[in-house]
C-alpha atoms as a PDB file:
ATOM      1  CA  MET A   1     108.976 114.558 129.523  1.00  0.00           C
ATOM      2  CA  PRO A   2     111.503 117.335 130.147  1.00  0.00           C
ATOM      3  CA  HIS A   3     113.496 117.302 133.108  1.00  0.00           C
ATOM      4  CA  ASP A   4     113.357 120.576 135.028  1.00  0.00           C
ATOM      5  CA  GLY A   5     114.662 119.433 138.431  1.00  0.00           C
ATOM      6  CA  THR A   6     111.186 119.005 139.820  1.00  0.00           C
ATOM      7  CA  ASP A   7     111.927 115.336 140.253  1.00  0.00           C
ATOM      8  CA  TYR A   8     114.345 115.841 143.040  1.00  0.00           C
ATOM      9  CA  LEU A   9     112.100 118.550 145.105  1.00  0.00           C
ATOM     10  CA  HIS A  10     111.052 115.883 147.735  1.00  0.00           C
ATOM     11  CA  TYR A  11     114.726 114.448 148.380  1.00  0.00           C
ATOM     12  CA  ILE A  12     115.817 118.166 148.683  1.00  0.00           C
ATOM     13  CA  MET A  13     112.881 118.666 151.279  1.00  0.00           C
ATOM     14  CA  ILE A  14     113.593 115.989 153.078  1.00  0.00           C
ATOM     15  CA  GLY A  15     117.433 116.288 153.427  1.00  0.00           C
ATOM     16  CA  LEU A  16     116.813 119.942 154.378  1.00  0.00           C
ATOM     17  CA  ALA A  17     114.600 118.498 157.058  1.00  0.00           C
ATOM     18  CA  VAL A  18     117.112 116.137 158.268  1.00  0.00           C
ATOM     19  CA  PHE A  19     119.574 118.981 158.406  1.00  0.00           C
ATOM     20  CA  SER A  20     117.446 121.397 160.328  1.00  0.00           C
ATOM     21  CA  VAL A  21     117.011 118.503 162.998  1.00  0.00           C
ATOM     22  CA  ILE A  22     120.855 117.619 163.289  1.00  0.00           C
ATOM     23  CA  ILE A  23     121.357 121.353 163.689  1.00  0.00           C
ATOM     24  CA  THR A  24     118.951 121.911 166.248  1.00  0.00           C
ATOM     25  CA  LEU A  25     119.862 118.954 168.331  1.00  0.00           C
ATOM     26  CA  GLY A  26     123.702 119.494 167.787  1.00  0.00           C
ATOM     27  CA  GLY A  27     124.574 123.269 168.294  1.00  0.00           C
ATOM     28  CA  MET A  28     127.192 125.218 167.017  1.00  0.00           C
ATOM     29  CA  LYS A  29     129.269 121.877 166.230  1.00  0.00           C
ATOM     30  CA  VAL A  30     127.017 120.772 163.786  1.00  0.00           C
ATOM     31  CA  ILE A  31     126.629 124.097 162.259  1.00  0.00           C
ATOM     32  CA  GLY A  32     130.549 123.928 161.734  1.00  0.00           C
ATOM     33  CA  TYR A  33     130.117 120.461 159.986  1.00  0.00           C
ATOM     34  CA  THR A  34     127.376 121.931 157.898  1.00  0.00           C
ATOM     35  CA  ASP A  35     129.525 124.933 156.743  1.00  0.00           C
ATOM     36  CA  VAL A  36     132.120 122.281 155.604  1.00  0.00           C
ATOM     37  CA  ILE A  37     129.611 120.296 153.978  1.00  0.00           C
ATOM     38  CA  GLN A  38     128.214 123.657 151.931  1.00  0.00           C
ATOM     39  CA  VAL A  39     131.766 124.998 151.265  1.00  0.00           C
ATOM     40  CA  THR A  40     132.244 121.541 149.384  1.00  0.00           C
ATOM     41  CA  VAL A  41     129.534 121.924 147.094  1.00  0.00           C
ATOM     42  CA  LEU A  42     130.078 125.263 146.437  1.00  0.00           C
ATOM     43  CA  ILE A  43     133.753 124.602 145.423  1.00  0.00           C
ATOM     44  CA  ILE A  44     132.552 121.441 143.161  1.00  0.00           C
ATOM     45  CA  GLY A  45     129.903 123.454 141.684  1.00  0.00           C
ATOM     46  CA  GLY A  46     132.345 126.660 141.160  1.00  0.00           C
ATOM     47  CA  PHE A  47     134.511 123.982 138.982  1.00  0.00           C
ATOM     48  CA  ALA A  48     131.864 122.448 137.169  1.00  0.00           C
ATOM     49  CA  ALA A  49     130.328 125.730 136.355  1.00  0.00           C
ATOM     50  CA  ALA A  50     134.156 126.816 135.055  1.00  0.00           C
ATOM     51  CA  TYR A  51     134.397 123.512 132.786  1.00  0.00           C
ATOM     52  CA  MET A  52     131.292 124.188 131.365  1.00  0.00           C
ATOM     53  CA  ALA A  53     131.577 127.705 130.625  1.00  0.00           C
ATOM     54  CA  LEU A  54     134.778 126.901 128.876  1.00  0.00           C
ATOM     55  CA  ASP A  55     133.766 124.026 126.845  1.00  0.00           C
ATOM     56  CA  LYS A  56     130.983 126.536 125.631  1.00  0.00           C
ATOM     57  CA  VAL A  57     133.685 129.096 124.750  1.00  0.00           C
ATOM     58  CA  SER A  58     135.466 126.538 122.695  1.00  0.00           C
ATOM     59  CA  GLY A  59     132.430 125.317 120.456  1.00  0.00           C
ATOM     60  CA  GLY A  60     132.273 121.648 122.690  1.00  0.00           C
ATOM     61  CA  THR A  61     136.114 121.029 122.051  1.00  0.00           C
ATOM     62  CA  GLY A  62     136.962 120.972 125.896  1.00  0.00           C
ATOM     63  CA  ALA A  63     137.919 122.927 128.340  1.00  0.00           C
ATOM     64  CA  VAL A  64     141.255 123.486 127.566  1.00  0.00           C
ATOM     65  CA  GLN A  65     140.701 124.616 124.157  1.00  0.00           C
ATOM     66  CA  GLY A  66     138.329 127.246 125.815  1.00  0.00           C
ATOM     67  CA  SER A  67     140.819 128.639 128.177  1.00  0.00           C
ATOM     68  CA  GLN A  68     143.341 129.238 125.141  1.00  0.00           C
ATOM     69  CA  PRO A  69     141.513 132.612 124.346  1.00  0.00           C
ATOM     70  CA  LEU A  70     142.277 133.925 128.035  1.00  0.00           C
END
């Protein structure tokens, strides 16, 4: 069976519900904390996407080799 990401949908929905309750109860302070979490996830995702793109450009020989044409 192909893995299309829908296996995690319930976990994601539960996580979003928990975050919404925390934000509702915690106010602006908690919104700041969730912003920090979001930025962390975005930075990690950006590095992961850059690594995968550079590895793809190199033909699978690694991100360092993929950055050589740059």
